[in-house]
């Protein structure tokens, strides 16, 4: 039984993304592909298995509780900053007295 192989263009059409995205995912190891010459090829069985695993991983990441983005600290619980009063300089009369 012959192995079905997809090109980067075919995988991009299946995934609904650009060819550059598919090639970048293959370079990063996110998609199982090989580059025997100048173009990437993807075995259908390995591609299907990896896409299944990526789908499950991303689904779990979406379900995971997200950390709070901001917290509120009641003013009575925090140290209140007070403004220091600036002291005014002493003015000296430099006019000659007669």
C-alpha atoms as a PDB file:
ATOM      1  CA  UNK A   1       0.000   0.000   0.000  1.00  0.00           C
ATOM      2  CA  UNK A   2       1.591   3.291  -1.050  1.00  0.00           C
ATOM      3  CA  UNK A   3       2.158   6.054   1.485  1.00  0.00           C
ATOM      4  CA  UNK A   4       0.287   9.255   0.754  1.00  0.00           C
ATOM      5  CA  UNK A   5       2.486  12.339   0.896  1.00  0.00           C
ATOM      6  CA  UNK A   6       1.394  15.977   1.001  1.00  0.00           C
ATOM      7  CA  UNK A   7       3.277  19.045  -0.172  1.00  0.00           C
ATOM      8  CA  UNK A   8       3.530  22.217   1.916  1.00  0.00           C
ATOM      9  CA  UNK A   9       0.952  23.832  -0.373  1.00  0.00           C
ATOM     10  CA  UNK A  10      -1.516  20.985   0.212  1.00  0.00           C
ATOM     11  CA  UNK A  11      -0.991  21.072   3.982  1.00  0.00           C
ATOM     12  CA  UNK A  12      -1.488  24.854   3.970  1.00  0.00           C
ATOM     13  CA  UNK A  13      -4.773  24.421   2.105  1.00  0.00           C
ATOM     14  CA  UNK A  14      -5.906  21.727   4.575  1.00  0.00           C
ATOM     15  CA  UNK A  15      -4.973  23.855   7.592  1.00  0.00           C
ATOM     16  CA  UNK A  16      -6.241  27.130   6.135  1.00  0.00           C
ATOM     17  CA  UNK A  17      -2.945  28.967   6.592  1.00  0.00           C
ATOM     18  CA  UNK A  18      -0.043  30.126   4.457  1.00  0.00           C
ATOM     19  CA  UNK A  19       2.702  27.954   3.044  1.00  0.00           C
ATOM     20  CA  UNK A  20       5.235  29.983   5.061  1.00  0.00           C
ATOM     21  CA  UNK A  21       3.382  29.061   8.275  1.00  0.00           C
ATOM     22  CA  UNK A  22       3.490  25.356   7.375  1.00  0.00           C
ATOM     23  CA  UNK A  23       7.197  25.566   6.547  1.00  0.00           C
ATOM     24  CA  UNK A  24       7.931  27.407   9.799  1.00  0.00           C
ATOM     25  CA  UNK A  25       5.994  24.799  11.799  1.00  0.00           C
ATOM     26  CA  UNK A  26       7.967  22.049  10.048  1.00  0.00           C
ATOM     27  CA  UNK A  27      11.292  23.791  10.791  1.00  0.00           C
ATOM     28  CA  UNK A  28      10.293  24.205  14.452  1.00  0.00           C
ATOM     29  CA  UNK A  29       9.311  20.547  14.725  1.00  0.00           C
ATOM     30  CA  UNK A  30       5.591  21.201  15.208  1.00  0.00           C
ATOM     31  CA  UNK A  31       4.704  19.357  11.988  1.00  0.00           C
ATOM     32  CA  UNK A  32       6.340  16.081  10.925  1.00  0.00           C
ATOM     33  CA  UNK A  33       7.910  16.772   7.570  1.00  0.00           C
ATOM     34  CA  UNK A  34      11.103  16.186   5.709  1.00  0.00           C
ATOM     35  CA  UNK A  35      12.943  18.268   3.159  1.00  0.00           C
ATOM     36  CA  UNK A  36      14.773  15.844   0.861  1.00  0.00           C
ATOM     37  CA  UNK A  37      15.408  18.506  -1.752  1.00  0.00           C
ATOM     38  CA  UNK A  38      14.227  22.067  -1.956  1.00  0.00           C
ATOM     39  CA  UNK A  39      10.640  21.480  -0.804  1.00  0.00           C
ATOM     40  CA  UNK A  40       8.961  20.074   2.290  1.00  0.00           C
ATOM     41  CA  UNK A  41       6.902  16.877   2.134  1.00  0.00           C
ATOM     42  CA  UNK A  42       4.629  15.473   4.825  1.00  0.00           C
ATOM     43  CA  UNK A  43       3.604  11.805   5.277  1.00  0.00           C
ATOM     44  CA  UNK A  44      -0.166  11.667   5.763  1.00  0.00           C
ATOM     45  CA  UNK A  45      -0.167   9.306   8.775  1.00  0.00           C
ATOM     46  CA  UNK A  46       2.415  11.265  10.763  1.00  0.00           C
ATOM     47  CA  UNK A  47       0.753  14.538   9.817  1.00  0.00           C
ATOM     48  CA  UNK A  48      -2.668  13.337  10.984  1.00  0.00           C
ATOM     49  CA  UNK A  49      -1.238  12.070  14.289  1.00  0.00           C
ATOM     50  CA  UNK A  50       0.613  15.321  14.959  1.00  0.00           C
ATOM     51  CA  UNK A  51      -2.398  17.472  14.072  1.00  0.00           C
ATOM     52  CA  UNK A  52      -4.506  15.409  16.477  1.00  0.00           C
ATOM     53  CA  UNK A  53      -1.939  15.922  19.242  1.00  0.00           C
ATOM     54  CA  UNK A  54      -1.711  19.675  18.551  1.00  0.00           C
ATOM     55  CA  UNK A  55      -5.502  19.993  18.618  1.00  0.00           C
ATOM     56  CA  UNK A  56      -5.713  18.224  21.997  1.00  0.00           C
ATOM     57  CA  UNK A  57      -2.844  20.316  23.425  1.00  0.00           C
ATOM     58  CA  UNK A  58      -4.380  23.620  22.319  1.00  0.00           C
ATOM     59  CA  UNK A  59      -7.794  22.563  23.600  1.00  0.00           C
ATOM     60  CA  UNK A  60      -6.341  21.803  27.038  1.00  0.00           C
ATOM     61  CA  UNK A  61      -4.519  25.128  27.069  1.00  0.00           C
ATOM     62  CA  UNK A  62      -7.795  26.952  26.371  1.00  0.00           C
ATOM     63  CA  UNK A  63      -9.529  25.112  29.238  1.00  0.00           C
ATOM     64  CA  UNK A  64      -6.760  25.785  31.757  1.00  0.00           C
ATOM     65  CA  UNK A  65      -7.574  28.523  34.255  1.00  0.00           C
ATOM     66  CA  UNK A  66      -5.818  31.728  33.426  1.00  0.00           C
ATOM     67  CA  UNK A  67      -3.934  33.664  36.091  1.00  0.00           C
ATOM     68  CA  UNK A  68      -5.504  36.931  37.171  1.00  0.00           C
ATOM     69  CA  UNK A  69      -4.307  39.893  35.154  1.00  0.00           C
ATOM     70  CA  UNK A  70      -4.601  42.438  37.953  1.00  0.00           C
ATOM     71  CA  UNK A  71      -5.217  42.400  41.663  1.00  0.00           C
ATOM     72  CA  UNK A  72      -6.923  44.930  43.858  1.00  0.00           C
ATOM     73  CA  UNK A  73      -5.445  45.853  47.182  1.00  0.00           C
ATOM     74  CA  UNK A  74      -7.691  47.734  49.532  1.00  0.00           C
ATOM     75  CA  UNK A  75      -6.145  51.032  50.660  1.00  0.00           C
ATOM     76  CA  UNK A  76      -6.411  50.044  54.317  1.00  0.00           C
ATOM     77  CA  UNK A  77      -4.196  47.033  53.587  1.00  0.00           C
ATOM     78  CA  UNK A  78      -1.488  48.978  51.827  1.00  0.00           C
ATOM     79  CA  UNK A  79       0.917  51.575  53.001  1.00  0.00           C
ATOM     80  CA  UNK A  80      -0.532  54.946  52.172  1.00  0.00           C
ATOM     81  CA  UNK A  81       1.912  57.339  50.618  1.00  0.00           C
ATOM     82  CA  UNK A  82       1.812  60.827  52.040  1.00  0.00           C
ATOM     83  CA  UNK A  83       3.115  63.859  50.323  1.00  0.00           C
ATOM     84  CA  UNK A  84       5.930  65.673  51.994  1.00  0.00           C
ATOM     85  CA  UNK A  85       5.524  69.376  52.231  1.00  0.00           C
ATOM     86  CA  UNK A  86       8.256  71.281  50.558  1.00  0.00           C
ATOM     87  CA  UNK A  87       9.858  73.990  52.593  1.00  0.00           C
ATOM     88  CA  UNK A  88      10.128  77.349  50.961  1.00  0.00           C
ATOM     89  CA  UNK A  89      13.504  78.982  50.711  1.00  0.00           C
ATOM     90  CA  UNK A  90      14.271  81.881  53.026  1.00  0.00           C
ATOM     91  CA  UNK A  91      14.250  85.135  51.151  1.00  0.00           C
ATOM     92  CA  UNK A  92      17.057  87.532  51.929  1.00  0.00           C
ATOM     93  CA  UNK A  93      16.845  91.217  51.181  1.00  0.00           C
ATOM     94  CA  UNK A  94      19.956  92.091  49.232  1.00  0.00           C
ATOM     95  CA  UNK A  95      19.143  95.794  48.744  1.00  0.00           C
ATOM     96  CA  UNK A  96      21.553  98.184  50.421  1.00  0.00           C
ATOM     97  CA  UNK A  97      20.156  99.905  53.419  1.00  0.00           C
ATOM     98  CA  UNK A  98      20.545 103.686  53.611  1.00  0.00           C
END
